[in-house]
């Protein structure tokens, strides 16, 4: 499982890319993902929430697929 340090380093990288991006939409996506990683970096290492992350990601992906099929 990644550590807080890993998430922090990845977030810094994404946020620096967001500042350098010329396309505002891409910059916004990079910034949003960077913020998500900073949130994960601030979670306690033994958090039960972190254990649920893969399940939540799977659920959210299924919802997106469902929305795309309906449109």
C-alpha atoms as a PDB file:
ATOM      1  CA  UNK A   1       0.000   0.000   0.000  1.00  0.00           C
ATOM      2  CA  UNK A   2       1.380   3.445  -0.875  1.00  0.00           C
ATOM      3  CA  UNK A   3       2.531   5.670   1.958  1.00  0.00           C
ATOM      4  CA  UNK A   4       1.607   9.250   2.780  1.00  0.00           C
ATOM      5  CA  UNK A   5       4.961  10.330   1.387  1.00  0.00           C
ATOM      6  CA  UNK A   6       4.196   8.646  -1.942  1.00  0.00           C
ATOM      7  CA  UNK A   7       0.809  10.377  -2.216  1.00  0.00           C
ATOM      8  CA  UNK A   8       2.363  13.737  -1.313  1.00  0.00           C
ATOM      9  CA  UNK A   9       5.095  13.409  -3.954  1.00  0.00           C
ATOM     10  CA  UNK A  10       2.597  12.371  -6.621  1.00  0.00           C
ATOM     11  CA  UNK A  11       0.298  15.257  -5.699  1.00  0.00           C
ATOM     12  CA  UNK A  12       3.158  17.755  -5.978  1.00  0.00           C
ATOM     13  CA  UNK A  13       4.004  16.397  -9.409  1.00  0.00           C
ATOM     14  CA  UNK A  14       0.415  16.639 -10.651  1.00  0.00           C
ATOM     15  CA  UNK A  15      -0.009  20.152  -9.247  1.00  0.00           C
ATOM     16  CA  UNK A  16       3.188  21.303 -10.950  1.00  0.00           C
ATOM     17  CA  UNK A  17       1.905  19.864 -14.235  1.00  0.00           C
ATOM     18  CA  UNK A  18      -1.393  21.691 -13.688  1.00  0.00           C
ATOM     19  CA  UNK A  19       0.478  24.981 -13.398  1.00  0.00           C
ATOM     20  CA  UNK A  20       2.356  24.258 -16.627  1.00  0.00           C
ATOM     21  CA  UNK A  21      -0.668  23.044 -18.618  1.00  0.00           C
ATOM     22  CA  UNK A  22      -1.878  25.355 -21.378  1.00  0.00           C
ATOM     23  CA  UNK A  23      -5.330  23.785 -21.640  1.00  0.00           C
ATOM     24  CA  UNK A  24      -7.525  24.934 -18.728  1.00  0.00           C
ATOM     25  CA  UNK A  25      -9.558  21.702 -18.774  1.00  0.00           C
ATOM     26  CA  UNK A  26      -6.453  19.556 -18.458  1.00  0.00           C
ATOM     27  CA  UNK A  27      -5.075  21.834 -15.756  1.00  0.00           C
ATOM     28  CA  UNK A  28      -8.321  21.474 -13.806  1.00  0.00           C
ATOM     29  CA  UNK A  29      -8.237  17.674 -14.077  1.00  0.00           C
ATOM     30  CA  UNK A  30      -4.614  17.544 -12.939  1.00  0.00           C
ATOM     31  CA  UNK A  31      -5.343  19.849 -10.031  1.00  0.00           C
ATOM     32  CA  UNK A  32      -8.383  17.806  -8.987  1.00  0.00           C
ATOM     33  CA  UNK A  33      -6.390  14.581  -9.007  1.00  0.00           C
ATOM     34  CA  UNK A  34      -3.571  16.257  -7.100  1.00  0.00           C
ATOM     35  CA  UNK A  35      -6.038  17.349  -4.438  1.00  0.00           C
ATOM     36  CA  UNK A  36      -7.387  13.794  -4.187  1.00  0.00           C
ATOM     37  CA  UNK A  37      -3.878  12.502  -3.603  1.00  0.00           C
ATOM     38  CA  UNK A  38      -3.248  15.144  -0.938  1.00  0.00           C
ATOM     39  CA  UNK A  39      -6.400  13.973   0.811  1.00  0.00           C
ATOM     40  CA  UNK A  40      -5.098  10.413   0.750  1.00  0.00           C
ATOM     41  CA  UNK A  41      -1.723  11.574   2.040  1.00  0.00           C
ATOM     42  CA  UNK A  42      -3.433  13.101   5.058  1.00  0.00           C
ATOM     43  CA  UNK A  43      -5.320   9.913   5.971  1.00  0.00           C
ATOM     44  CA  UNK A  44      -3.928   7.847   8.822  1.00  0.00           C
ATOM     45  CA  UNK A  45      -1.889   4.924   7.533  1.00  0.00           C
ATOM     46  CA  UNK A  46      -4.121   2.354   9.216  1.00  0.00           C
ATOM     47  CA  UNK A  47      -7.403   4.005   8.264  1.00  0.00           C
ATOM     48  CA  UNK A  48     -10.324   1.705   7.515  1.00  0.00           C
ATOM     49  CA  UNK A  49     -11.402   4.266   4.911  1.00  0.00           C
ATOM     50  CA  UNK A  50      -8.282   3.537   2.894  1.00  0.00           C
ATOM     51  CA  UNK A  51      -9.296  -0.140   2.804  1.00  0.00           C
ATOM     52  CA  UNK A  52     -12.602   0.881   1.230  1.00  0.00           C
ATOM     53  CA  UNK A  53     -10.959   2.970  -1.498  1.00  0.00           C
ATOM     54  CA  UNK A  54     -10.760   0.142  -4.082  1.00  0.00           C
ATOM     55  CA  UNK A  55     -14.424  -0.698  -3.497  1.00  0.00           C
ATOM     56  CA  UNK A  56     -15.457   2.933  -3.812  1.00  0.00           C
ATOM     57  CA  UNK A  57     -13.419   3.322  -6.998  1.00  0.00           C
ATOM     58  CA  UNK A  58     -15.095   0.242  -8.475  1.00  0.00           C
ATOM     59  CA  UNK A  59     -18.556   1.526  -7.518  1.00  0.00           C
ATOM     60  CA  UNK A  60     -17.871   4.971  -9.000  1.00  0.00           C
ATOM     61  CA  UNK A  61     -16.548   3.462 -12.225  1.00  0.00           C
ATOM     62  CA  UNK A  62     -19.687   1.334 -12.515  1.00  0.00           C
ATOM     63  CA  UNK A  63     -21.854   4.429 -12.031  1.00  0.00           C
ATOM     64  CA  UNK A  64     -19.949   6.277 -14.771  1.00  0.00           C
ATOM     65  CA  UNK A  65     -20.380   3.350 -17.155  1.00  0.00           C
ATOM     66  CA  UNK A  66     -24.096   3.276 -16.328  1.00  0.00           C
ATOM     67  CA  UNK A  67     -24.416   7.003 -17.017  1.00  0.00           C
ATOM     68  CA  UNK A  68     -22.610   6.659 -20.352  1.00  0.00           C
ATOM     69  CA  UNK A  69     -24.939   3.851 -21.449  1.00  0.00           C
ATOM     70  CA  UNK A  70     -28.006   5.916 -20.582  1.00  0.00           C
ATOM     71  CA  UNK A  71     -26.884   8.916 -22.655  1.00  0.00           C
END
